[in-house]
């Protein structure tokens, strides 16, 4: 049976790879439908177009899906997440000037890979700036309801700093983050791959931390759908889940890294050099600081270790961050509503298999 066409919005990020590969390699076609991809710029735009029915599904920040369903920002609409689009992938990047300033405040013998040590150094430089009457640093993040925001806040809070008071946080869409750094609108940022590598490649930034150094298995994007579509035409979404799970497995195969990077680099996808995207797929990022290369096998997880199965524990953790920073009510009912968005039942039915054994999730690396 033909399921025709599904329109999916995405932001040009490496973790949009799963629906892009499902469309471009042919996994969707093998499931009986076509994917029409629409490249967008901002998370608010992609959220609104999904809510208004312009898209059947979207590559969406998981906290935005939760906030939209809880009516915390913009239009309220019940969304569902039958698939996770990966874990991790973020990094902190600072301008060379701010990075040099942080290094100057680093305790003797402290490692730049230690977020507690760099947080202490950053707090020291912020206090020094305040004592001189200088402006505090401005750090960019992609959206208020985002893990980028929460990871920055976790790091700042652990250092004894008050976000929004001691440090300015500014919202910048991912494709514009490097421009904002170049033009001096931000002094650093937290954004998903591959935009940190872009900043390093242009000599505009230095990577301070990989996101995985702060949160081990950080929930990032989900494949969000309007619940009405899921409930009314579940077979369409089940076919989409199957195509995406197959795409994730294909991406995970090292033999396909070159082709994955080429596909993602296309002008109507990420529009970036494939060689630059390949660094993320290889889990090795030059930081721009001397000859340092930071690597982690968990830099960005696509399908490995159950990463595509929507995990309600992740939704509860995200809600807890939202409550911690005053964005959401700190109630059991709200936490339960967030967890209900993650439709493991649809995922498991689509695959027709027993749920995979998921790792124990110790989400926060430190809590301050």
Protein backbone atom coordinates (compact mmCIF):
# COMPACT_ATOMS: atom_id res chain seq x y z
CA UNK A 1 0.00 0.00 0.00
CA UNK A 2 1.35 3.41 -0.92
CA UNK A 3 1.54 5.87 1.91
CA UNK A 4 2.30 8.67 -0.53
CA UNK A 5 4.36 11.52 0.85
CA UNK A 6 5.33 12.86 4.25
CA UNK A 7 6.66 16.39 4.59
CA UNK A 8 9.36 16.82 7.27
CA UNK A 9 10.99 20.05 8.41
CA UNK A 10 14.58 20.09 9.59
CA UNK A 11 17.30 22.47 10.79
CA UNK A 12 20.74 22.10 9.13
CA UNK A 13 22.45 20.09 11.85
CA UNK A 14 24.25 16.76 11.87
CA UNK A 15 21.50 15.20 13.99
CA UNK A 16 19.03 15.75 11.13
CA UNK A 17 20.92 12.93 9.40
CA UNK A 18 18.36 10.21 10.11
CA UNK A 19 15.39 11.65 8.16
CA UNK A 20 17.75 13.01 5.48
CA UNK A 21 19.32 9.58 4.92
CA UNK A 22 15.90 7.88 5.11
CA UNK A 23 14.85 10.13 2.21
CA UNK A 24 18.01 10.22 0.13
CA UNK A 25 19.25 6.63 0.44
CA UNK A 26 15.82 5.14 -0.23
CA UNK A 27 14.70 3.66 3.08
CA UNK A 28 11.45 5.64 2.97
CA UNK A 29 10.75 4.50 -0.60
CA UNK A 30 11.25 0.89 0.46
CA UNK A 31 8.56 1.45 3.11
CA UNK A 32 6.13 2.70 0.44
CA UNK A 33 6.33 6.48 0.75
CA UNK A 34 8.41 9.51 -0.12
CA UNK A 35 9.86 12.09 2.26
CA UNK A 36 9.76 15.73 1.21
CA UNK A 37 12.34 17.60 3.27
CA UNK A 38 12.05 21.31 4.05
CA UNK A 39 15.15 23.09 5.35
CA UNK A 40 14.30 25.71 7.98
CA UNK A 41 16.37 28.24 9.93
CA UNK A 42 14.90 28.67 13.43
CA UNK A 43 13.31 26.36 15.97
CA UNK A 44 10.31 28.65 16.48
CA UNK A 45 9.60 28.53 12.75
CA UNK A 46 9.83 24.76 12.52
CA UNK A 47 7.63 24.37 15.63
CA UNK A 48 4.96 26.71 14.28
CA UNK A 49 4.88 25.07 10.86
CA UNK A 50 4.46 21.67 12.49
CA UNK A 51 1.64 22.90 14.73
CA UNK A 52 -0.12 24.59 11.78
CA UNK A 53 0.00 21.42 9.70
CA UNK A 54 2.56 22.56 7.14
CA UNK A 55 4.65 19.55 8.14
CA UNK A 56 3.64 16.00 8.95
CA UNK A 57 6.69 15.61 11.19
CA UNK A 58 9.73 17.62 12.23
CA UNK A 59 13.30 17.34 13.44
CA UNK A 60 12.65 19.19 16.70
CA UNK A 61 14.34 20.01 19.97
CA UNK A 62 12.91 17.59 22.52
CA UNK A 63 12.25 20.34 25.11
CA UNK A 64 10.33 22.32 22.47
CA UNK A 65 8.04 19.35 21.88
CA UNK A 66 7.43 19.17 25.63
CA UNK A 67 6.92 22.92 26.02
CA UNK A 68 4.51 23.05 23.07
CA UNK A 69 2.41 20.21 24.45
CA UNK A 70 2.34 21.79 27.92
CA UNK A 71 1.43 25.20 26.49
CA UNK A 72 4.51 26.92 27.89
CA UNK A 73 5.46 28.98 24.83
CA UNK A 74 3.79 30.01 21.62
CA UNK A 75 0.86 27.97 20.32
CA UNK A 76 -0.29 25.00 22.37
CA UNK A 77 -0.64 21.70 20.53
CA UNK A 78 -0.26 18.12 21.63
CA UNK A 79 2.78 16.59 19.99
CA UNK A 80 4.16 13.07 20.15
CA UNK A 81 7.67 11.69 19.75
CA UNK A 82 7.66 8.14 18.36
CA UNK A 83 11.40 8.33 17.60
CA UNK A 84 14.50 9.95 19.05
CA UNK A 85 16.91 11.37 16.46
CA UNK A 86 20.04 10.76 18.47
CA UNK A 87 21.84 11.68 21.66
CA UNK A 88 24.60 14.22 22.33
CA UNK A 89 26.28 16.24 19.58
CA UNK A 90 26.64 19.65 21.25
CA UNK A 91 29.83 21.51 22.10
CA UNK A 92 30.87 24.76 23.80
CA UNK A 93 32.92 27.11 21.63
CA UNK A 94 34.55 30.37 22.74
CA UNK A 95 36.09 33.18 20.75
CA UNK A 96 39.91 33.00 20.73
CA UNK A 97 40.01 36.13 22.94
CA UNK A 98 37.65 34.70 25.56
CA UNK A 99 39.36 31.31 25.41
CA UNK A 100 42.75 32.95 26.07
CA UNK A 101 41.20 34.88 28.96
CA UNK A 102 39.81 31.66 30.45
CA UNK A 103 43.17 29.87 30.09
CA UNK A 104 44.85 32.74 31.94
CA UNK A 105 42.51 32.12 34.90
CA UNK A 106 42.88 28.33 34.87
CA UNK A 107 44.33 26.87 38.06
CA UNK A 108 47.89 25.49 37.72
CA UNK A 109 47.79 21.91 36.51
CA UNK A 110 44.05 22.01 35.72
CA UNK A 111 42.90 20.36 32.50
CA UNK A 112 40.91 22.17 29.84
CA UNK A 113 38.85 19.00 29.43
CA UNK A 114 37.58 19.24 33.04
CA UNK A 115 34.30 21.22 33.12
CA UNK A 116 34.66 21.93 36.83
CA UNK A 117 38.13 23.42 36.29
CA UNK A 118 37.05 25.49 33.31
CA UNK A 119 33.93 26.61 35.15
CA UNK A 120 36.06 27.85 38.04
CA UNK A 121 38.34 29.70 35.61
CA UNK A 122 35.35 31.21 33.82
CA UNK A 123 33.88 32.38 37.14
CA UNK A 124 37.21 33.98 38.01
CA UNK A 125 37.36 35.91 34.74
CA UNK A 126 33.72 37.03 35.13
CA UNK A 127 34.49 38.38 38.59
CA UNK A 128 37.62 40.08 37.26
CA UNK A 129 35.59 41.76 34.52
CA UNK A 130 32.98 42.88 37.03
CA UNK A 131 35.70 44.34 39.25
CA UNK A 132 36.99 46.40 36.31
CA UNK A 133 33.51 47.53 35.38
CA UNK A 134 33.64 45.59 32.08
CA UNK A 135 30.67 43.99 30.36
CA UNK A 136 29.97 40.32 31.24
CA UNK A 137 30.47 37.72 28.50
CA UNK A 138 27.55 36.88 26.22
CA UNK A 139 27.04 33.21 25.38
CA UNK A 140 24.77 32.04 22.58
CA UNK A 141 22.33 29.13 22.75
CA UNK A 142 19.83 28.00 20.17
CA UNK A 143 16.50 28.36 22.03
CA UNK A 144 15.25 28.86 25.61
CA UNK A 145 13.74 25.35 25.57
CA UNK A 146 16.91 23.53 24.52
CA UNK A 147 19.61 21.30 25.93
CA UNK A 148 22.11 23.93 24.77
CA UNK A 149 20.55 26.33 27.27
CA UNK A 150 20.45 23.71 30.02
CA UNK A 151 24.03 22.51 29.48
CA UNK A 152 25.33 26.07 29.66
CA UNK A 153 23.30 26.69 32.82
CA UNK A 154 24.53 23.47 34.45
CA UNK A 155 28.12 24.50 33.78
CA UNK A 156 27.63 28.07 34.99
CA UNK A 157 25.68 27.02 38.08
CA UNK A 158 28.34 24.46 39.03
CA UNK A 159 30.87 27.31 38.88
CA UNK A 160 28.82 29.42 41.29
CA UNK A 161 27.61 31.84 38.61
CA UNK A 162 24.03 33.01 38.18
CA UNK A 163 22.90 32.65 34.57
CA UNK A 164 21.26 35.78 33.11
CA UNK A 165 22.83 37.84 35.88
CA UNK A 166 26.56 37.14 35.88
CA UNK A 167 26.56 36.06 32.22
CA UNK A 168 24.29 37.06 29.36
CA UNK A 169 22.58 34.27 27.41
CA UNK A 170 21.38 35.08 23.90
CA UNK A 171 19.19 33.07 21.52
CA UNK A 172 20.75 32.56 18.08
CA UNK A 173 19.51 30.04 15.44
CA UNK A 174 22.10 27.32 14.75
CA UNK A 175 22.99 28.37 11.16
CA UNK A 176 23.66 31.94 12.35
CA UNK A 177 25.75 31.07 15.40
CA UNK A 178 29.12 31.40 13.67
CA UNK A 179 28.07 34.73 12.13
CA UNK A 180 27.07 35.97 15.58
CA UNK A 181 30.52 35.05 16.91
CA UNK A 182 32.30 36.65 13.95
CA UNK A 183 30.34 39.89 14.33
CA UNK A 184 30.87 40.12 18.09
CA UNK A 185 27.24 39.60 19.08
CA UNK A 186 28.28 36.64 21.25
CA UNK A 187 31.59 35.72 22.87
CA UNK A 188 30.93 31.99 22.74
CA UNK A 189 28.11 29.52 22.25
CA UNK A 190 26.70 26.07 22.75
CA UNK A 191 25.36 24.57 19.53
CA UNK A 192 25.04 21.21 17.84
CA UNK A 193 27.39 19.73 15.26
CA UNK A 194 28.80 20.70 12.89
CA UNK A 195 28.68 24.45 13.67
CA UNK A 196 31.40 24.27 16.34
CA UNK A 197 33.73 22.70 13.78
CA UNK A 198 32.79 25.43 11.30
CA UNK A 199 33.89 28.11 13.79
CA UNK A 200 37.19 26.32 14.38
CA UNK A 201 37.75 25.80 10.65
CA UNK A 202 37.32 29.54 10.04
CA UNK A 203 39.63 30.47 12.92
CA UNK A 204 36.77 32.21 14.71
CA UNK A 205 36.39 29.91 17.71
CA UNK A 206 37.94 27.26 19.92
CA UNK A 207 36.01 24.31 21.27
CA UNK A 208 36.15 24.28 25.05
CA UNK A 209 33.95 21.26 25.80
CA UNK A 210 32.10 18.51 24.03
CA UNK A 211 28.56 18.28 25.35
CA UNK A 212 29.16 14.66 26.33
CA UNK A 213 31.74 15.92 28.85
CA UNK A 214 28.87 17.50 30.79
CA UNK A 215 25.94 15.14 30.17
CA UNK A 216 26.73 11.54 29.26
CA UNK A 217 23.60 10.68 27.22
CA UNK A 218 21.99 14.00 26.53
CA UNK A 219 18.58 13.81 24.83
CA UNK A 220 18.60 16.14 21.86
CA UNK A 221 16.14 16.05 18.97
CA UNK A 222 13.05 13.97 18.43
CA UNK A 223 10.96 13.21 15.39
CA UNK A 224 7.89 15.16 16.48
CA UNK A 225 4.44 14.64 14.99
CA UNK A 226 1.05 16.08 15.75
CA UNK A 227 -0.79 13.56 17.91
CA UNK A 228 -3.87 13.75 15.69
CA UNK A 229 -1.91 12.45 12.71
CA UNK A 230 -0.35 9.70 14.77
CA UNK A 231 -3.69 8.56 16.16
CA UNK A 232 -5.55 8.94 12.86
CA UNK A 233 -2.99 7.35 10.53
CA UNK A 234 -0.65 5.29 12.73
CA UNK A 235 0.49 3.10 9.83
CA UNK A 236 2.09 6.14 8.16
CA UNK A 237 4.10 6.99 11.28
CA UNK A 238 5.04 3.35 11.87
CA UNK A 239 6.43 3.17 8.34
CA UNK A 240 8.36 6.39 8.99
CA UNK A 241 9.80 4.97 12.22
CA UNK A 242 10.97 1.82 10.41
CA UNK A 243 12.62 3.84 7.64
CA UNK A 244 14.37 6.06 10.17
CA UNK A 245 15.63 3.17 12.31
CA UNK A 246 17.10 1.57 9.18
CA UNK A 247 18.68 4.90 8.25
CA UNK A 248 20.25 5.20 11.71
CA UNK A 249 21.79 1.74 11.41
CA UNK A 250 23.15 2.67 7.97
CA UNK A 251 24.70 5.88 9.33
CA UNK A 252 26.31 3.95 12.19
CA UNK A 253 28.19 1.68 9.77
CA UNK A 254 31.72 3.14 9.41
CA UNK A 255 31.71 2.04 5.77
CA UNK A 256 29.00 4.63 5.10
CA UNK A 257 30.62 7.64 6.75
CA UNK A 258 31.98 9.13 3.53
CA UNK A 259 28.61 8.81 1.78
CA UNK A 260 26.74 10.13 4.83
CA UNK A 261 28.96 13.21 4.93
CA UNK A 262 28.46 13.74 1.20
CA UNK A 263 24.68 13.48 1.50
CA UNK A 264 24.54 15.85 4.47
CA UNK A 265 26.84 18.36 2.78
CA UNK A 266 24.51 18.91 -0.18
CA UNK A 267 23.33 22.44 -0.88
CA UNK A 268 19.71 21.71 0.08
CA UNK A 269 20.73 19.84 3.23
CA UNK A 270 23.47 21.32 5.49
CA UNK A 271 25.30 23.11 2.65
CA UNK A 272 28.72 22.54 4.18
CA UNK A 273 31.91 20.75 3.08
CA UNK A 274 31.64 16.98 3.52
CA UNK A 275 35.17 16.90 4.96
CA UNK A 276 34.03 19.14 7.81
CA UNK A 277 30.92 17.06 8.55
CA UNK A 278 33.06 13.91 8.51
CA UNK A 279 34.89 15.09 11.65
CA UNK A 280 31.69 14.71 13.66
CA UNK A 281 30.96 11.30 12.15
CA UNK A 282 34.51 10.22 13.04
CA UNK A 283 34.03 11.53 16.61
CA UNK A 284 37.23 13.59 16.40
CA UNK A 285 37.11 17.38 16.63
CA UNK A 286 40.10 19.69 16.43
CA UNK A 287 39.49 22.30 19.12
CA UNK A 288 41.49 25.12 17.51
CA UNK A 289 43.69 25.28 20.62
CA UNK A 290 47.25 24.41 19.64
CA UNK A 291 47.13 20.90 18.14
CA UNK A 292 44.49 19.54 20.51
CA UNK A 293 41.96 17.05 19.16
CA UNK A 294 39.03 16.10 21.40
CA UNK A 295 37.40 12.74 20.72
CA UNK A 296 34.63 10.62 22.18
CA UNK A 297 32.90 7.52 20.86
CA UNK A 298 29.69 9.07 22.21
CA UNK A 299 30.16 12.46 20.58
CA UNK A 300 26.95 11.95 18.60
CA UNK A 301 24.88 8.78 18.86
CA UNK A 302 22.46 7.94 16.06
CA UNK A 303 21.11 4.38 16.43
CA UNK A 304 23.71 2.73 18.63
CA UNK A 305 22.84 1.66 22.20
CA UNK A 306 19.12 2.16 21.71
CA UNK A 307 19.49 5.84 20.86
CA UNK A 308 16.46 5.98 18.53
CA UNK A 309 13.97 4.52 21.01
CA UNK A 310 12.21 7.40 22.78
CA UNK A 311 13.10 7.06 26.46
CA UNK A 312 10.56 8.57 28.91
CA UNK A 313 13.41 9.02 31.42
CA UNK A 314 14.85 11.61 29.04
CA UNK A 315 11.55 13.48 28.91
CA UNK A 316 11.40 13.56 32.71
CA UNK A 317 14.98 14.81 32.92
CA UNK A 318 14.23 17.56 30.41
CA UNK A 319 11.12 18.57 32.32
CA UNK A 320 13.20 18.69 35.52
CA UNK A 321 15.60 21.12 33.81
CA UNK A 322 12.69 23.23 32.64
CA UNK A 323 11.32 23.32 36.18
CA UNK A 324 14.76 24.01 37.66
CA UNK A 325 15.12 27.14 35.54
CA UNK A 326 11.60 28.43 36.04
CA UNK A 327 10.18 27.47 32.67
CA UNK A 328 7.69 24.82 33.78
CA UNK A 329 5.71 23.83 36.88
CA UNK A 330 7.60 21.45 39.14
CA UNK A 331 4.78 18.94 39.43
CA UNK A 332 4.38 15.20 39.04
CA UNK A 333 1.49 15.79 36.65
CA UNK A 334 3.64 17.92 34.33
CA UNK A 335 6.48 15.39 34.48
CA UNK A 336 4.03 12.59 33.63
CA UNK A 337 2.65 14.62 30.72
CA UNK A 338 6.18 15.16 29.40
CA UNK A 339 6.96 11.44 29.64
CA UNK A 340 3.72 10.57 27.83
CA UNK A 341 4.96 12.40 24.73
CA UNK A 342 7.62 9.74 24.21
CA UNK A 343 5.65 7.04 22.38
CA UNK A 344 7.61 3.87 22.99
CA UNK A 345 4.45 1.92 22.12
CA UNK A 346 4.45 3.21 18.54
CA UNK A 347 8.20 2.60 18.20
CA UNK A 348 7.95 -0.99 19.47
CA UNK A 349 4.89 -1.77 17.33
CA UNK A 350 6.58 -0.38 14.21
CA UNK A 351 9.60 -2.61 14.66
CA UNK A 352 7.64 -5.65 15.81
CA UNK A 353 10.38 -6.57 18.22
CA UNK A 354 11.02 -6.62 21.94
CA UNK A 355 12.35 -3.31 23.28
CA UNK A 356 16.14 -3.14 23.40
CA UNK A 357 17.86 -3.18 26.76
CA UNK A 358 18.71 0.46 27.39
CA UNK A 359 21.76 1.60 29.35
CA UNK A 360 21.24 2.99 32.81
CA UNK A 361 21.08 6.72 32.19
CA UNK A 362 23.24 8.79 34.52
CA UNK A 363 22.41 12.02 32.73
CA UNK A 364 24.23 14.77 34.56
CA UNK A 365 27.99 14.52 34.81
CA UNK A 366 27.96 16.99 37.65
CA UNK A 367 25.22 18.98 39.37
CA UNK A 368 27.19 21.70 41.12
